[in-house]
Amino acid sequence: CAEVTESTAAQLQQTPGGEAEDCLEGDSAAADRYVNAAVKASLAAASASNAAMSAAIAAVEGSRQCTQALGSNTQADGKKGDAEDKGEDDEAESADEADEKDEEAVAAEEKRRRPTPEEAAANTAKRLVEQRHNNHKVLQRLNSEILGHQQNVREFLRHNRQLIPEVSGESKQKVAGLLQAYAREASGELRAALARGCGGRPGERAFAGGNEVLAALQSLPMLVPFFQSNSVAISVSVKARILKMSALHDLPLAMRVLDQEIFAVARQALSKDDSEGLRQVSKLQAKMQADLSSNVAEEAAAEAAG
């Protein structure tokens, strides 16, 4: 554009070599030169404007590409930063979970730790009490079942006496001998208990109270099962079992042995004026006779009562 402008200006400054013959022709030629120069200048300006517009468009496009490139880099950086932040968050969560697991492990270890001697003793005592309570329930249930079976067998044999086996005289004598020996032993125990209760010396006559005599009788191993509130199917005392077996063989004999060796001693320990004590002793003797009679035939029971 600058080159065209300079060439046009040079043409306009040129003057003709000879004088103009006709003034009109000279003016017409000058006007044509100005018009041509103006046209060239206008074309040059248009070309320059197009070039400027192209340059501007190229600059805008370049700026846009630069902006997109910067945006892509920024997005990539942002994604990278997010990924790094997420990784840090994951690591923090993993660390927290690990800490929680460690705390749970420590708590579980504390629970599994060995108890103190006091705690161990308390736990042992509690376990023993619970075990004894459960054993007591089982024994009560078994005792009730055995008592029921014994009653059924007793009723069956009462109506079918031909099924009762015969007992030899030798066996009866052996059982009766054991009963007399155990009764004499119980008599000695009763005398010693009454002597301690009265505070007397050997050889001295001292009377005991009714309650003391009753307590001494009820403490004898041979008689304990008969004074319990609950019936026991099988007594733990061998002496009591021998007494029951002897009553099955010969109830009158068994009652005479008990009266001579035990209840006579109890009555002698009481004063003749202690009617209440004597009545209580007789009541205990009658209760034992009733318990022993329940397992024998009616004829033997009536004979022992007579």
C-alpha atoms as a PDB file:
ATOM      1  CA  CYS A   1       0.000   0.000   0.000  1.00  0.00           C
ATOM      2  CA  ALA A   2       2.849   2.424   0.783  1.00  0.00           C
ATOM      3  CA  GLU A   3       4.586   1.581  -2.482  1.00  0.00           C
ATOM      4  CA  VAL A   4       1.433   2.308  -4.519  1.00  0.00           C
ATOM      5  CA  THR A   5       0.939   5.563  -2.677  1.00  0.00           C
ATOM      6  CA  GLU A   6       4.502   6.728  -3.414  1.00  0.00           C
ATOM      7  CA  SER A   7       4.243   5.863  -7.162  1.00  0.00           C
ATOM      8  CA  THR A   8       0.967   7.692  -7.464  1.00  0.00           C
ATOM      9  CA  ALA A   9       2.336  10.784  -5.790  1.00  0.00           C
ATOM     10  CA  ALA A  10       5.307  10.771  -8.213  1.00  0.00           C
ATOM     11  CA  GLN A  11       3.000  10.668 -11.234  1.00  0.00           C
ATOM     12  CA  LEU A  12       0.967  13.551  -9.942  1.00  0.00           C
ATOM     13  CA  GLN A  13       4.127  15.705  -9.525  1.00  0.00           C
ATOM     14  CA  GLN A  14       5.280  15.162 -13.105  1.00  0.00           C
ATOM     15  CA  THR A  15       4.757  18.189 -15.585  1.00  0.00           C
ATOM     16  CA  PRO A  16       4.470  17.872 -19.398  1.00  0.00           C
ATOM     17  CA  GLY A  17       7.641  18.590 -21.506  1.00  0.00           C
ATOM     18  CA  GLY A  18       6.054  21.202 -23.992  1.00  0.00           C
ATOM     19  CA  GLU A  19       3.443  23.797 -23.636  1.00  0.00           C
ATOM     20  CA  ALA A  20      -0.080  22.653 -23.919  1.00  0.00           C
ATOM     21  CA  GLU A  21      -1.780  23.531 -27.099  1.00  0.00           C
ATOM     22  CA  ASP A  22      -5.123  23.404 -25.768  1.00  0.00           C
ATOM     23  CA  CYS A  23      -6.049  24.247 -22.164  1.00  0.00           C
ATOM     24  CA  LEU A  24      -9.023  21.949 -22.161  1.00  0.00           C
ATOM     25  CA  GLU A  25      -6.992  18.947 -23.231  1.00  0.00           C
ATOM     26  CA  GLY A  26      -4.462  19.682 -20.441  1.00  0.00           C
ATOM     27  CA  ASP A  27      -7.109  19.879 -17.788  1.00  0.00           C
ATOM     28  CA  SER A  28      -8.696  16.632 -18.987  1.00  0.00           C
ATOM     29  CA  ALA A  29      -5.406  14.737 -18.835  1.00  0.00           C
ATOM     30  CA  ALA A  30      -4.675  16.032 -15.339  1.00  0.00           C
ATOM     31  CA  ALA A  31      -8.084  14.946 -14.158  1.00  0.00           C
ATOM     32  CA  ASP A  32      -7.550  11.449 -15.520  1.00  0.00           C
ATOM     33  CA  ARG A  33      -4.256  11.194 -13.722  1.00  0.00           C
ATOM     34  CA  TYR A  34      -5.866  12.192 -10.433  1.00  0.00           C
ATOM     35  CA  VAL A  35      -8.676   9.713 -10.934  1.00  0.00           C
ATOM     36  CA  ASN A  36      -6.270   6.884 -11.697  1.00  0.00           C
ATOM     37  CA  ALA A  37      -4.146   7.769  -8.712  1.00  0.00           C
ATOM     38  CA  ALA A  38      -7.203   7.816  -6.467  1.00  0.00           C
ATOM     39  CA  VAL A  39      -8.341   4.450  -7.810  1.00  0.00           C
ATOM     40  CA  LYS A  40      -4.934   2.899  -7.185  1.00  0.00           C
ATOM     41  CA  ALA A  41      -4.809   4.384  -3.718  1.00  0.00           C
ATOM     42  CA  SER A  42      -8.292   3.045  -2.964  1.00  0.00           C
ATOM     43  CA  LEU A  43      -7.360  -0.436  -4.204  1.00  0.00           C
ATOM     44  CA  ALA A  44      -4.188  -0.354  -2.153  1.00  0.00           C
ATOM     45  CA  ALA A  45      -6.160   0.712   0.918  1.00  0.00           C
ATOM     46  CA  ALA A  46      -8.643  -2.112   0.325  1.00  0.00           C
ATOM     47  CA  SER A  47      -5.822  -4.636   0.019  1.00  0.00           C
ATOM     48  CA  ALA A  48      -4.254  -3.297   3.182  1.00  0.00           C
ATOM     49  CA  SER A  49      -7.602  -3.530   4.990  1.00  0.00           C
ATOM     50  CA  ASN A  50      -8.074  -7.147   3.867  1.00  0.00           C
ATOM     51  CA  ALA A  51      -4.586  -7.993   5.016  1.00  0.00           C
ATOM     52  CA  ALA A  52      -5.232  -6.331   8.368  1.00  0.00           C
ATOM     53  CA  MET A  53      -8.481  -8.245   8.754  1.00  0.00           C
ATOM     54  CA  SER A  54      -6.748 -11.544   7.908  1.00  0.00           C
ATOM     55  CA  ALA A  55      -4.050 -10.746  10.433  1.00  0.00           C
ATOM     56  CA  ALA A  56      -6.662  -9.914  13.026  1.00  0.00           C
ATOM     57  CA  ILE A  57      -8.552 -13.139  12.311  1.00  0.00           C
ATOM     58  CA  ALA A  58      -5.313 -15.113  12.546  1.00  0.00           C
ATOM     59  CA  ALA A  59      -4.494 -13.378  15.827  1.00  0.00           C
ATOM     60  CA  VAL A  60      -7.922 -14.154  17.221  1.00  0.00           C
ATOM     61  CA  GLU A  61      -7.624 -17.794  16.143  1.00  0.00           C
ATOM     62  CA  GLY A  62      -4.184 -18.012  17.672  1.00  0.00           C
ATOM     63  CA  SER A  63      -5.448 -16.447  20.871  1.00  0.00           C
ATOM     64  CA  ARG A  64      -8.305 -18.958  20.951  1.00  0.00           C
ATOM     65  CA  GLN A  65      -5.941 -21.880  20.472  1.00  0.00           C
ATOM     66  CA  CYS A  66      -3.700 -20.539  23.199  1.00  0.00           C
ATOM     67  CA  THR A  67      -6.690 -20.195  25.490  1.00  0.00           C
ATOM     68  CA  GLN A  68      -7.774 -23.780  24.742  1.00  0.00           C
ATOM     69  CA  ALA A  69      -4.264 -25.018  25.326  1.00  0.00           C
ATOM     70  CA  LEU A  70      -4.094 -23.195  28.631  1.00  0.00           C
ATOM     71  CA  GLY A  71      -7.530 -24.546  29.571  1.00  0.00           C
ATOM     72  CA  SER A  72      -6.456 -28.103  28.755  1.00  0.00           C
ATOM     73  CA  ASN A  73      -3.329 -27.718  30.857  1.00  0.00           C
ATOM     74  CA  THR A  74      -5.352 -26.225  33.694  1.00  0.00           C
ATOM     75  CA  GLN A  75      -7.920 -29.066  33.506  1.00  0.00           C
ATOM     76  CA  ALA A  76      -5.158 -31.632  33.430  1.00  0.00           C
ATOM     77  CA  ASP A  77      -3.512 -29.955  36.412  1.00  0.00           C
ATOM     78  CA  GLY A  78      -6.883 -29.870  38.159  1.00  0.00           C
ATOM     79  CA  LYS A  79      -7.486 -33.555  37.490  1.00  0.00           C
ATOM     80  CA  LYS A  80      -4.007 -34.340  38.695  1.00  0.00           C
ATOM     81  CA  GLY A  81      -4.610 -32.265  41.798  1.00  0.00           C
ATOM     82  CA  ASP A  82      -7.955 -33.971  42.399  1.00  0.00           C
ATOM     83  CA  ALA A  83      -6.326 -37.340  41.998  1.00  0.00           C
ATOM     84  CA  GLU A  84      -3.609 -36.363  44.442  1.00  0.00           C
ATOM     85  CA  ASP A  85      -6.210 -35.031  46.887  1.00  0.00           C
ATOM     86  CA  LYS A  86      -8.247 -38.222  46.516  1.00  0.00           C
ATOM     87  CA  GLY A  87      -5.160 -40.298  47.110  1.00  0.00           C
ATOM     88  CA  GLU A  88      -4.378 -38.303  50.210  1.00  0.00           C
ATOM     89  CA  ASP A  89      -7.965 -38.718  51.413  1.00  0.00           C
ATOM     90  CA  ASP A  90      -7.800 -42.470  50.786  1.00  0.00           C
ATOM     91  CA  GLU A  91      -4.546 -42.669  52.675  1.00  0.00           C
ATOM     92  CA  ALA A  92      -6.084 -40.698  55.551  1.00  0.00           C
ATOM     93  CA  GLU A  93      -9.138 -43.000  55.616  1.00  0.00           C
ATOM     94  CA  SER A  94      -6.894 -46.063  55.506  1.00  0.00           C
ATOM     95  CA  ALA A  95      -4.896 -44.658  58.386  1.00  0.00           C
ATOM     96  CA  ASP A  96      -8.092 -43.997  60.373  1.00  0.00           C
ATOM     97  CA  GLU A  97      -9.353 -47.530  59.699  1.00  0.00           C
ATOM     98  CA  ALA A  98      -6.021 -48.949  60.765  1.00  0.00           C
ATOM     99  CA  ASP A  99      -6.167 -46.895  63.973  1.00  0.00           C
ATOM    100  CA  GLU A 100      -9.712 -48.131  64.671  1.00  0.00           C
ATOM    101  CA  LYS A 101      -8.638 -51.744  64.090  1.00  0.00           C
ATOM    102  CA  ASP A 102      -5.700 -51.244  66.410  1.00  0.00           C
ATOM    103  CA  GLU A 103      -7.994 -49.831  69.078  1.00  0.00           C
ATOM    104  CA  GLU A 104     -10.415 -52.768  68.666  1.00  0.00           C
ATOM    105  CA  ALA A 105      -7.529 -55.212  68.897  1.00  0.00           C
ATOM    106  CA  VAL A 106      -6.300 -53.533  72.060  1.00  0.00           C
ATOM    107  CA  ALA A 107      -9.820 -53.645  73.557  1.00  0.00           C
ATOM    108  CA  ALA A 108     -10.189 -57.324  72.648  1.00  0.00           C
ATOM    109  CA  GLU A 109      -6.810 -58.056  74.152  1.00  0.00           C
ATOM    110  CA  GLU A 110      -7.818 -56.305  77.353  1.00  0.00           C
ATOM    111  CA  LYS A 111     -10.960 -58.437  77.485  1.00  0.00           C
ATOM    112  CA  ARG A 112      -8.917 -61.576  76.982  1.00  0.00           C
ATOM    113  CA  ARG A 113      -6.398 -60.594  79.590  1.00  0.00           C
ATOM    114  CA  ARG A 114      -5.982 -62.809  82.563  1.00  0.00           C
ATOM    115  CA  PRO A 115      -8.236 -61.825  85.476  1.00  0.00           C
ATOM    116  CA  THR A 116      -6.849 -60.773  88.792  1.00  0.00           C
ATOM    117  CA  PRO A 117      -6.716 -63.335  91.608  1.00  0.00           C
ATOM    118  CA  GLU A 118      -9.741 -61.713  93.230  1.00  0.00           C
ATOM    119  CA  GLU A 119     -11.718 -61.875  89.981  1.00  0.00           C
ATOM    120  CA  ALA A 120     -10.662 -65.469  89.385  1.00  0.00           C
ATOM    121  CA  ALA A 121     -11.710 -66.452  92.906  1.00  0.00           C
ATOM    122  CA  ALA A 122     -15.061 -64.680  92.519  1.00  0.00           C
ATOM    123  CA  ASN A 123     -15.691 -66.338  89.139  1.00  0.00           C
ATOM    124  CA  THR A 124     -14.787 -69.744  90.543  1.00  0.00           C
ATOM    125  CA  ALA A 125     -17.095 -69.301  93.522  1.00  0.00           C
ATOM    126  CA  LYS A 126     -19.931 -68.153  91.267  1.00  0.00           C
ATOM    127  CA  ARG A 127     -19.427 -71.116  88.935  1.00  0.00           C
ATOM    128  CA  LEU A 128     -19.409 -73.546  91.846  1.00  0.00           C
ATOM    129  CA  VAL A 129     -22.607 -72.069  93.278  1.00  0.00           C
ATOM    130  CA  GLU A 130     -24.353 -72.316  89.913  1.00  0.00           C
ATOM    131  CA  GLN A 131     -23.133 -75.885  89.457  1.00  0.00           C
ATOM    132  CA  ARG A 132     -24.333 -76.879  92.919  1.00  0.00           C
ATOM    133  CA  HIS A 133     -27.707 -75.261  92.286  1.00  0.00           C
ATOM    134  CA  ASN A 134     -28.085 -77.170  89.008  1.00  0.00           C
ATOM    135  CA  ASN A 135     -27.001 -80.419  90.675  1.00  0.00           C
ATOM    136  CA  HIS A 136     -29.554 -79.863  93.426  1.00  0.00           C
ATOM    137  CA  LYS A 137     -32.319 -79.481  90.850  1.00  0.00           C
ATOM    138  CA  VAL A 138     -31.232 -82.662  89.061  1.00  0.00           C
ATOM    139  CA  LEU A 139     -31.115 -84.605  92.336  1.00  0.00           C
ATOM    140  CA  GLN A 140     -34.578 -83.411  93.324  1.00  0.00           C
ATOM    141  CA  ARG A 141     -35.967 -84.526  89.981  1.00  0.00           C
ATOM    142  CA  LEU A 142     -34.268 -87.936  90.175  1.00  0.00           C
ATOM    143  CA  ASN A 143     -35.406 -88.423  93.792  1.00  0.00           C
ATOM    144  CA  SER A 144     -39.004 -87.699  92.797  1.00  0.00           C
ATOM    145  CA  GLU A 145     -38.811 -90.150  89.911  1.00  0.00           C
ATOM    146  CA  ILE A 146     -37.314 -92.907  92.089  1.00  0.00           C
ATOM    147  CA  LEU A 147     -39.928 -92.351  94.809  1.00  0.00           C
ATOM    148  CA  GLY A 148     -42.623 -92.709  92.177  1.00  0.00           C
ATOM    149  CA  HIS A 149     -41.136 -95.964  90.906  1.00  0.00           C
ATOM    150  CA  GLN A 150     -40.793 -97.299  94.430  1.00  0.00           C
ATOM    151  CA  GLN A 151     -44.421 -96.527  95.149  1.00  0.00           C
ATOM    152  CA  ASN A 152     -45.513 -98.266  91.958  1.00  0.00           C
ATOM    153  CA  VAL A 153     -43.476-101.372  92.780  1.00  0.00           C
ATOM    154  CA  ARG A 154     -44.817-101.362  96.336  1.00  0.00           C
ATOM    155  CA  GLU A 155     -48.401-101.231  95.115  1.00  0.00           C
ATOM    156  CA  PHE A 156     -47.756-103.931  92.552  1.00  0.00           C
ATOM    157  CA  LEU A 157     -46.229-106.296  95.116  1.00  0.00           C
ATOM    158  CA  ARG A 158     -49.021-105.571  97.569  1.00  0.00           C
ATOM    159  CA  HIS A 159     -51.504-106.911  95.053  1.00  0.00           C
ATOM    160  CA  ASN A 160     -49.208-109.697  93.835  1.00  0.00           C
ATOM    161  CA  ARG A 161     -47.577-111.064  96.979  1.00  0.00           C
ATOM    162  CA  GLN A 162     -46.735-114.341  95.312  1.00  0.00           C
ATOM    163  CA  LEU A 163     -44.026-112.489  93.412  1.00  0.00           C
ATOM    164  CA  ILE A 164     -42.182-111.440  96.593  1.00  0.00           C
ATOM    165  CA  PRO A 165     -39.040-113.628  96.886  1.00  0.00           C
ATOM    166  CA  GLU A 166     -38.435-115.714  99.989  1.00  0.00           C
ATOM    167  CA  VAL A 167     -35.729-114.581 102.404  1.00  0.00           C
ATOM    168  CA  SER A 168     -33.685-117.227 104.168  1.00  0.00           C
ATOM    169  CA  GLY A 169     -33.434-117.343 107.948  1.00  0.00           C
ATOM    170  CA  GLU A 170     -29.669-116.860 107.781  1.00  0.00           C
ATOM    171  CA  SER A 171     -30.058-113.575 105.889  1.00  0.00           C
ATOM    172  CA  LYS A 172     -32.632-112.369 108.410  1.00  0.00           C
ATOM    173  CA  GLN A 173     -30.300-113.200 111.302  1.00  0.00           C
ATOM    174  CA  LYS A 174     -27.392-111.341 109.709  1.00  0.00           C
ATOM    175  CA  VAL A 175     -29.508-108.239 109.133  1.00  0.00           C
ATOM    176  CA  ALA A 176     -30.923-108.424 112.676  1.00  0.00           C
ATOM    177  CA  GLY A 177     -27.395-108.721 114.103  1.00  0.00           C
ATOM    178  CA  LEU A 178     -26.285-105.655 112.165  1.00  0.00           C
ATOM    179  CA  LEU A 179     -29.332-103.752 113.395  1.00  0.00           C
ATOM    180  CA  GLN A 180     -28.581-104.557 117.053  1.00  0.00           C
ATOM    181  CA  ALA A 181     -24.930-103.521 116.630  1.00  0.00           C
ATOM    182  CA  TYR A 182     -25.861-100.232 114.968  1.00  0.00           C
ATOM    183  CA  ALA A 183     -28.546 -99.600 117.596  1.00  0.00           C
ATOM    184  CA  ARG A 184     -26.042-100.098 120.456  1.00  0.00           C
ATOM    185  CA  GLU A 185     -23.645 -97.721 118.700  1.00  0.00           C
ATOM    186  CA  ALA A 186     -26.413 -95.139 118.331  1.00  0.00           C
ATOM    187  CA  SER A 187     -27.261 -95.580 122.014  1.00  0.00           C
ATOM    188  CA  GLY A 188     -23.680 -94.716 122.977  1.00  0.00           C
ATOM    189  CA  GLU A 189     -23.760 -91.643 120.721  1.00  0.00           C
ATOM    190  CA  LEU A 190     -27.037 -90.537 122.293  1.00  0.00           C
ATOM    191  CA  ARG A 191     -25.708 -90.920 125.853  1.00  0.00           C
ATOM    192  CA  ALA A 192     -22.558 -88.924 124.986  1.00  0.00           C
ATOM    193  CA  ALA A 193     -24.587 -86.123 123.353  1.00  0.00           C
ATOM    194  CA  LEU A 194     -26.934 -85.874 126.340  1.00  0.00           C
ATOM    195  CA  ALA A 195     -24.002 -85.841 128.773  1.00  0.00           C
ATOM    196  CA  ARG A 196     -22.363 -82.972 126.882  1.00  0.00           C
ATOM    197  CA  GLY A 197     -25.627 -81.081 126.764  1.00  0.00           C
ATOM    198  CA  CYS A 198     -26.264 -81.438 130.467  1.00  0.00           C
ATOM    199  CA  GLY A 199     -22.711 -80.640 131.445  1.00  0.00           C
ATOM    200  CA  GLY A 200     -22.617 -83.561 133.850  1.00  0.00           C
ATOM    201  CA  ARG A 201     -19.737 -85.736 134.775  1.00  0.00           C
ATOM    202  CA  PRO A 202     -19.545 -89.471 134.148  1.00  0.00           C
ATOM    203  CA  GLY A 203     -21.475 -91.356 136.778  1.00  0.00           C
ATOM    204  CA  GLU A 204     -23.583 -88.355 137.799  1.00  0.00           C
ATOM    205  CA  ARG A 205     -27.351 -88.333 137.265  1.00  0.00           C
ATOM    206  CA  ALA A 206     -28.478 -85.262 135.285  1.00  0.00           C
ATOM    207  CA  PHE A 207     -31.779 -84.733 133.513  1.00  0.00           C
ATOM    208  CA  ALA A 208     -31.946 -83.061 130.122  1.00  0.00           C
ATOM    209  CA  GLY A 209     -34.643 -80.868 128.685  1.00  0.00           C
ATOM    210  CA  GLY A 210     -37.143 -82.063 126.142  1.00  0.00           C
ATOM    211  CA  ASN A 211     -35.659 -79.954 123.338  1.00  0.00           C
ATOM    212  CA  GLU A 212     -32.168 -81.253 124.024  1.00  0.00           C
ATOM    213  CA  VAL A 213     -33.328 -84.878 123.936  1.00  0.00           C
ATOM    214  CA  LEU A 214     -35.250 -84.328 120.686  1.00  0.00           C
ATOM    215  CA  ALA A 215     -32.252 -82.604 119.086  1.00  0.00           C
ATOM    216  CA  ALA A 216     -29.972 -85.484 120.138  1.00  0.00           C
ATOM    217  CA  LEU A 217     -32.373 -88.079 118.688  1.00  0.00           C
ATOM    218  CA  GLN A 218     -32.760 -86.250 115.401  1.00  0.00           C
ATOM    219  CA  SER A 219     -28.970 -85.962 114.999  1.00  0.00           C
ATOM    220  CA  LEU A 220     -28.371 -89.741 115.109  1.00  0.00           C
ATOM    221  CA  PRO A 221     -27.298 -90.974 111.622  1.00  0.00           C
ATOM    222  CA  MET A 222     -29.619 -94.000 111.898  1.00  0.00           C
ATOM    223  CA  LEU A 223     -32.677 -91.824 112.506  1.00  0.00           C
ATOM    224  CA  VAL A 224     -31.898 -88.707 110.428  1.00  0.00           C
ATOM    225  CA  PRO A 225     -33.722 -89.874 107.225  1.00  0.00           C
ATOM    226  CA  PHE A 226     -36.970 -90.396 109.173  1.00  0.00           C
ATOM    227  CA  PHE A 227     -37.037 -86.818 110.483  1.00  0.00           C
ATOM    228  CA  GLN A 228     -36.375 -84.988 107.211  1.00  0.00           C
ATOM    229  CA  SER A 229     -39.116 -82.860 105.703  1.00  0.00           C
ATOM    230  CA  ASN A 230     -38.581 -84.346 102.242  1.00  0.00           C
ATOM    231  CA  SER A 231     -38.557 -88.086 101.652  1.00  0.00           C
ATOM    232  CA  VAL A 232     -35.324 -89.513 100.290  1.00  0.00           C
ATOM    233  CA  ALA A 233     -35.560 -92.481  97.955  1.00  0.00           C
ATOM    234  CA  ILE A 234     -32.197 -93.995  98.940  1.00  0.00           C
ATOM    235  CA  SER A 235     -30.603 -92.957 102.208  1.00  0.00           C
ATOM    236  CA  VAL A 236     -26.879 -92.274 102.298  1.00  0.00           C
ATOM    237  CA  SER A 237     -26.643 -93.810 105.781  1.00  0.00           C
ATOM    238  CA  VAL A 238     -25.914 -97.530 105.825  1.00  0.00           C
ATOM    239  CA  LYS A 239     -27.407 -97.749 109.308  1.00  0.00           C
ATOM    240  CA  ALA A 240     -30.721 -96.334 108.079  1.00  0.00           C
ATOM    241  CA  ARG A 241     -30.784 -98.787 105.163  1.00  0.00           C
ATOM    242  CA  ILE A 242     -30.143-101.715 107.510  1.00  0.00           C
ATOM    243  CA  LEU A 243     -32.984-100.492 109.724  1.00  0.00           C
ATOM    244  CA  LYS A 244     -35.405-100.420 106.791  1.00  0.00           C
ATOM    245  CA  MET A 245     -34.303-103.861 105.583  1.00  0.00           C
ATOM    246  CA  SER A 246     -34.664-105.294 109.047  1.00  0.00           C
ATOM    247  CA  ALA A 247     -38.176-103.808 109.270  1.00  0.00           C
ATOM    248  CA  LEU A 248     -39.067-105.562 106.010  1.00  0.00           C
ATOM    249  CA  HIS A 249     -37.905-108.890 107.430  1.00  0.00           C
ATOM    250  CA  ASP A 250     -39.338-108.484 110.941  1.00  0.00           C
ATOM    251  CA  LEU A 251     -40.956-105.169 111.861  1.00  0.00           C
ATOM    252  CA  PRO A 252     -41.821-106.042 115.499  1.00  0.00           C
ATOM    253  CA  LEU A 253     -38.218-107.089 116.172  1.00  0.00           C
ATOM    254  CA  ALA A 254     -36.853-103.891 114.624  1.00  0.00           C
ATOM    255  CA  MET A 255     -39.163-101.726 116.730  1.00  0.00           C
ATOM    256  CA  ARG A 256     -38.192-103.570 119.941  1.00  0.00           C
ATOM    257  CA  VAL A 257     -34.497-103.044 119.250  1.00  0.00           C
ATOM    258  CA  LEU A 258     -35.041 -99.323 118.656  1.00  0.00           C
ATOM    259  CA  ASP A 259     -37.119 -98.991 121.794  1.00  0.00           C
ATOM    260  CA  GLN A 260     -34.628-100.789 124.041  1.00  0.00           C
ATOM    261  CA  GLU A 261     -31.432 -99.223 122.714  1.00  0.00           C
ATOM    262  CA  ILE A 262     -32.492 -95.694 121.745  1.00  0.00           C
ATOM    263  CA  PHE A 263     -35.903 -94.503 122.898  1.00  0.00           C
ATOM    264  CA  ALA A 264     -35.524 -95.993 126.389  1.00  0.00           C
ATOM    265  CA  VAL A 265     -32.305 -93.996 126.813  1.00  0.00           C
ATOM    266  CA  ALA A 266     -34.120 -90.847 125.689  1.00  0.00           C
ATOM    267  CA  ARG A 267     -36.933 -91.374 128.194  1.00  0.00           C
ATOM    268  CA  GLN A 268     -34.452 -92.055 131.024  1.00  0.00           C
ATOM    269  CA  ALA A 269     -32.720 -88.735 130.265  1.00  0.00           C
ATOM    270  CA  LEU A 270     -35.975 -86.895 130.884  1.00  0.00           C
ATOM    271  CA  SER A 271     -37.471 -86.186 134.246  1.00  0.00           C
ATOM    272  CA  LYS A 272     -40.691 -87.992 135.104  1.00  0.00           C
ATOM    273  CA  ASP A 273     -42.301 -84.584 135.542  1.00  0.00           C
ATOM    274  CA  ASP A 274     -41.408 -83.547 131.981  1.00  0.00           C
ATOM    275  CA  SER A 275     -44.596 -84.813 130.423  1.00  0.00           C
ATOM    276  CA  GLU A 276     -44.174 -82.688 127.319  1.00  0.00           C
ATOM    277  CA  GLY A 277     -40.733 -84.107 126.641  1.00  0.00           C
ATOM    278  CA  LEU A 278     -41.983 -87.658 127.124  1.00  0.00           C
ATOM    279  CA  ARG A 279     -44.865 -86.980 124.746  1.00  0.00           C
ATOM    280  CA  GLN A 280     -42.498 -85.652 122.067  1.00  0.00           C
ATOM    281  CA  VAL A 281     -40.276 -88.725 122.336  1.00  0.00           C
ATOM    282  CA  SER A 282     -43.310 -91.004 122.001  1.00  0.00           C
ATOM    283  CA  LYS A 283     -44.443 -88.983 118.989  1.00  0.00           C
ATOM    284  CA  LEU A 284     -41.081 -89.469 117.266  1.00  0.00           C
ATOM    285  CA  GLN A 285     -41.190 -93.194 117.981  1.00  0.00           C
ATOM    286  CA  ALA A 286     -44.700 -93.441 116.524  1.00  0.00           C
ATOM    287  CA  LYS A 287     -43.634 -91.515 113.423  1.00  0.00           C
ATOM    288  CA  MET A 288     -40.738 -93.905 112.802  1.00  0.00           C
ATOM    289  CA  GLN A 289     -43.011 -96.897 113.262  1.00  0.00           C
ATOM    290  CA  ALA A 290     -45.517 -95.472 110.768  1.00  0.00           C
ATOM    291  CA  ASP A 291     -42.769 -94.867 108.185  1.00  0.00           C
ATOM    292  CA  LEU A 292     -41.399 -98.375 108.561  1.00  0.00           C
ATOM    293  CA  SER A 293     -44.883 -99.914 108.506  1.00  0.00           C
ATOM    294  CA  SER A 294     -45.702 -98.342 105.149  1.00  0.00           C
ATOM    295  CA  ASN A 295     -43.294-100.757 103.421  1.00  0.00           C
ATOM    296  CA  VAL A 296     -44.457-104.004 105.056  1.00  0.00           C
ATOM    297  CA  ALA A 297     -47.549-106.158 104.952  1.00  0.00           C
ATOM    298  CA  GLU A 298     -50.632-105.171 106.912  1.00  0.00           C
ATOM    299  CA  GLU A 299     -50.339-108.114 109.289  1.00  0.00           C
ATOM    300  CA  ALA A 300     -46.790-107.219 110.322  1.00  0.00           C
ATOM    301  CA  ALA A 301     -47.748-103.597 110.790  1.00  0.00           C
ATOM    302  CA  ALA A 302     -50.687-104.534 112.989  1.00  0.00           C
ATOM    303  CA  GLU A 303     -48.473-106.850 115.050  1.00  0.00           C
ATOM    304  CA  ALA A 304     -45.866-104.123 115.583  1.00  0.00           C
ATOM    305  CA  ALA A 305     -48.556-101.652 116.593  1.00  0.00           C
ATOM    306  CA  GLY A 306     -50.065-104.151 119.029  1.00  0.00           C
END
